[in-house]
Amino acid sequence: MKLIDFKNEAQALRDILQKYKEPDADLCLQAPDPIIQQVLNGKITQPISIGDIPCGYYFTQGTLRPVPGMISAFSAFANHIEGMHTDESKKFFANLDKKYAP
């Protein structure tokens, strides 16, 4: 787990949630924020289950899915937190943004 990449991904996810001014973004910013903050503080250095990240539904299938950059930001963060982060996965999720975001 590359901690610097993980911190960058956590911050990117937080930034995009803060820019999107909708109730679901606010909810998802508050719910997973303790995990994001732990990453930014270097307190999560081992993989954990993606099921431990609140609001996953909103990012992948709910109202936040169409937000430009949201799928790739959440997916990079989620894959990294599970220990599955690779350059190939970054490219894959970046392509999802192009395909599914308006």
C-alpha atoms as a PDB file:
ATOM      1  CA  MET A   1       0.000   0.000   0.000  1.00  0.00           C
ATOM      2  CA  LYS A   2       1.616   3.256  -1.139  1.00  0.00           C
ATOM      3  CA  LEU A   3       0.608   5.666   1.590  1.00  0.00           C
ATOM      4  CA  ILE A   4       1.250   8.819  -0.443  1.00  0.00           C
ATOM      5  CA  ASP A   5      -1.000   7.588  -3.284  1.00  0.00           C
ATOM      6  CA  PHE A   6      -3.624   6.555  -0.756  1.00  0.00           C
ATOM      7  CA  LYS A   7      -3.577  10.001   0.856  1.00  0.00           C
ATOM      8  CA  ASN A   8      -3.903  11.646  -2.552  1.00  0.00           C
ATOM      9  CA  GLU A   9      -6.887   9.443  -3.402  1.00  0.00           C
ATOM     10  CA  ALA A  10      -8.556  10.172  -0.061  1.00  0.00           C
ATOM     11  CA  GLN A  11      -8.095  13.894  -0.581  1.00  0.00           C
ATOM     12  CA  ALA A  12      -9.372  13.695  -4.179  1.00  0.00           C
ATOM     13  CA  LEU A  13     -12.523  11.928  -2.964  1.00  0.00           C
ATOM     14  CA  ARG A  14     -13.060  14.511  -0.230  1.00  0.00           C
ATOM     15  CA  ASP A  15     -12.487  17.378  -2.699  1.00  0.00           C
ATOM     16  CA  ILE A  16     -15.017  16.135  -5.225  1.00  0.00           C
ATOM     17  CA  LEU A  17     -17.614  15.570  -2.489  1.00  0.00           C
ATOM     18  CA  GLN A  18     -17.068  19.102  -1.193  1.00  0.00           C
ATOM     19  CA  LYS A  19     -17.535  20.592  -4.681  1.00  0.00           C
ATOM     20  CA  TYR A  20     -20.807  18.766  -5.329  1.00  0.00           C
ATOM     21  CA  LYS A  21     -23.476  20.625  -3.345  1.00  0.00           C
ATOM     22  CA  GLU A  22     -26.225  18.035  -2.941  1.00  0.00           C
ATOM     23  CA  PRO A  23     -27.656  16.271   0.139  1.00  0.00           C
ATOM     24  CA  ASP A  24     -26.215  12.885  -0.827  1.00  0.00           C
ATOM     25  CA  ALA A  25     -22.755  14.376  -1.252  1.00  0.00           C
ATOM     26  CA  ASP A  26     -23.026  16.004   2.175  1.00  0.00           C
ATOM     27  CA  LEU A  27     -24.176  12.716   3.685  1.00  0.00           C
ATOM     28  CA  CYS A  28     -21.351  10.789   2.039  1.00  0.00           C
ATOM     29  CA  LEU A  29     -18.838  13.406   3.028  1.00  0.00           C
ATOM     30  CA  GLN A  30     -19.846  13.096   6.661  1.00  0.00           C
ATOM     31  CA  ALA A  31     -20.275   9.313   6.781  1.00  0.00           C
ATOM     32  CA  PRO A  32     -16.946   8.137   5.343  1.00  0.00           C
ATOM     33  CA  ASP A  33     -15.039  11.199   6.493  1.00  0.00           C
ATOM     34  CA  PRO A  34     -13.590   9.503   9.589  1.00  0.00           C
ATOM     35  CA  ILE A  35     -12.047   6.875   7.294  1.00  0.00           C
ATOM     36  CA  ILE A  36     -10.806   9.540   4.881  1.00  0.00           C
ATOM     37  CA  GLN A  37      -9.346  11.501   7.793  1.00  0.00           C
ATOM     38  CA  GLN A  38      -7.627   8.381   9.148  1.00  0.00           C
ATOM     39  CA  VAL A  39      -6.029   7.839   5.738  1.00  0.00           C
ATOM     40  CA  LEU A  40      -4.899  11.461   5.546  1.00  0.00           C
ATOM     41  CA  ASN A  41      -3.409  11.161   9.045  1.00  0.00           C
ATOM     42  CA  GLY A  42      -1.567   7.960   8.070  1.00  0.00           C
ATOM     43  CA  LYS A  43      -3.543   5.814  10.522  1.00  0.00           C
ATOM     44  CA  ILE A  44      -4.827   3.288   7.971  1.00  0.00           C
ATOM     45  CA  THR A  45      -1.881   1.486   6.473  1.00  0.00           C
ATOM     46  CA  GLN A  46      -3.349  -2.001   6.055  1.00  0.00           C
ATOM     47  CA  PRO A  47      -6.192  -3.070   3.754  1.00  0.00           C
ATOM     48  CA  ILE A  48      -9.723  -3.079   5.155  1.00  0.00           C
ATOM     49  CA  SER A  49     -12.994  -4.292   3.680  1.00  0.00           C
ATOM     50  CA  ILE A  50     -14.770  -2.024   1.227  1.00  0.00           C
ATOM     51  CA  GLY A  51     -17.922  -2.863   3.164  1.00  0.00           C
ATOM     52  CA  ASP A  52     -16.548  -0.717   5.971  1.00  0.00           C
ATOM     53  CA  ILE A  53     -16.807   2.394   3.777  1.00  0.00           C
ATOM     54  CA  PRO A  54     -20.229   4.000   4.238  1.00  0.00           C
ATOM     55  CA  CYS A  55     -22.163   5.323   1.222  1.00  0.00           C
ATOM     56  CA  GLY A  56     -20.691   2.960  -1.369  1.00  0.00           C
ATOM     57  CA  TYR A  57     -24.086   2.662  -3.053  1.00  0.00           C
ATOM     58  CA  TYR A  58     -24.305   6.408  -3.711  1.00  0.00           C
ATOM     59  CA  PHE A  59     -20.939   6.393  -5.459  1.00  0.00           C
ATOM     60  CA  THR A  60     -21.491   3.378  -7.686  1.00  0.00           C
ATOM     61  CA  GLN A  61     -25.219   3.201  -8.349  1.00  0.00           C
ATOM     62  CA  GLY A  62     -26.895   6.185  -6.714  1.00  0.00           C
ATOM     63  CA  THR A  63     -27.160   9.885  -7.217  1.00  0.00           C
ATOM     64  CA  LEU A  64     -23.420  10.582  -7.081  1.00  0.00           C
ATOM     65  CA  ARG A  65     -22.579   8.239  -9.951  1.00  0.00           C
ATOM     66  CA  PRO A  66     -23.114  10.816 -12.734  1.00  0.00           C
ATOM     67  CA  VAL A  67     -20.866  13.414 -11.105  1.00  0.00           C
ATOM     68  CA  PRO A  68     -17.778  13.835 -13.320  1.00  0.00           C
ATOM     69  CA  GLY A  69     -14.798  12.168 -11.676  1.00  0.00           C
ATOM     70  CA  MET A  70     -16.808  10.589  -8.856  1.00  0.00           C
ATOM     71  CA  ILE A  71     -16.596   6.982 -10.052  1.00  0.00           C
ATOM     72  CA  SER A  72     -12.856   7.056 -10.543  1.00  0.00           C
ATOM     73  CA  ALA A  73     -12.231   8.945  -7.265  1.00  0.00           C
ATOM     74  CA  PHE A  74     -14.301   6.528  -5.181  1.00  0.00           C
ATOM     75  CA  SER A  75     -13.060   3.446  -7.027  1.00  0.00           C
ATOM     76  CA  ALA A  76      -9.406   4.397  -6.615  1.00  0.00           C
ATOM     77  CA  PHE A  77      -9.980   5.046  -2.903  1.00  0.00           C
ATOM     78  CA  ALA A  78     -11.994   1.842  -2.417  1.00  0.00           C
ATOM     79  CA  ASN A  79      -9.537  -0.341  -4.335  1.00  0.00           C
ATOM     80  CA  HIS A  80      -6.639   1.090  -2.400  1.00  0.00           C
ATOM     81  CA  ILE A  81      -8.357   0.573   0.928  1.00  0.00           C
ATOM     82  CA  GLU A  82      -8.916  -3.083  -0.009  1.00  0.00           C
ATOM     83  CA  GLY A  83      -5.323  -3.476  -1.185  1.00  0.00           C
ATOM     84  CA  MET A  84      -6.228  -3.927  -4.859  1.00  0.00           C
ATOM     85  CA  HIS A  85      -4.793  -0.674  -6.196  1.00  0.00           C
ATOM     86  CA  THR A  86      -2.868  -1.003  -9.441  1.00  0.00           C
ATOM     87  CA  ASP A  87      -2.073   1.172 -12.434  1.00  0.00           C
ATOM     88  CA  GLU A  88      -4.436  -0.987 -14.475  1.00  0.00           C
ATOM     89  CA  SER A  89      -7.315  -0.370 -12.075  1.00  0.00           C
ATOM     90  CA  LYS A  90      -6.688   3.401 -12.238  1.00  0.00           C
ATOM     91  CA  LYS A  91      -6.973   3.321 -16.034  1.00  0.00           C
ATOM     92  CA  PHE A  92     -10.075   1.132 -15.897  1.00  0.00           C
ATOM     93  CA  PHE A  93     -11.949   3.437 -13.522  1.00  0.00           C
ATOM     94  CA  ALA A  94     -10.887   6.565 -15.384  1.00  0.00           C
ATOM     95  CA  ASN A  95     -12.489   5.005 -18.473  1.00  0.00           C
ATOM     96  CA  LEU A  96     -15.696   4.376 -16.491  1.00  0.00           C
ATOM     97  CA  ASP A  97     -15.934   8.084 -15.808  1.00  0.00           C
ATOM     98  CA  LYS A  98     -15.675   8.812 -19.510  1.00  0.00           C
ATOM     99  CA  LYS A  99     -18.289   6.185 -20.343  1.00  0.00           C
ATOM    100  CA  TYR A 100     -20.908   6.817 -17.656  1.00  0.00           C
ATOM    101  CA  ALA A 101     -20.603  10.415 -16.517  1.00  0.00           C
ATOM    102  CA  PRO A 102     -22.547  13.015 -18.505  1.00  0.00           C
END
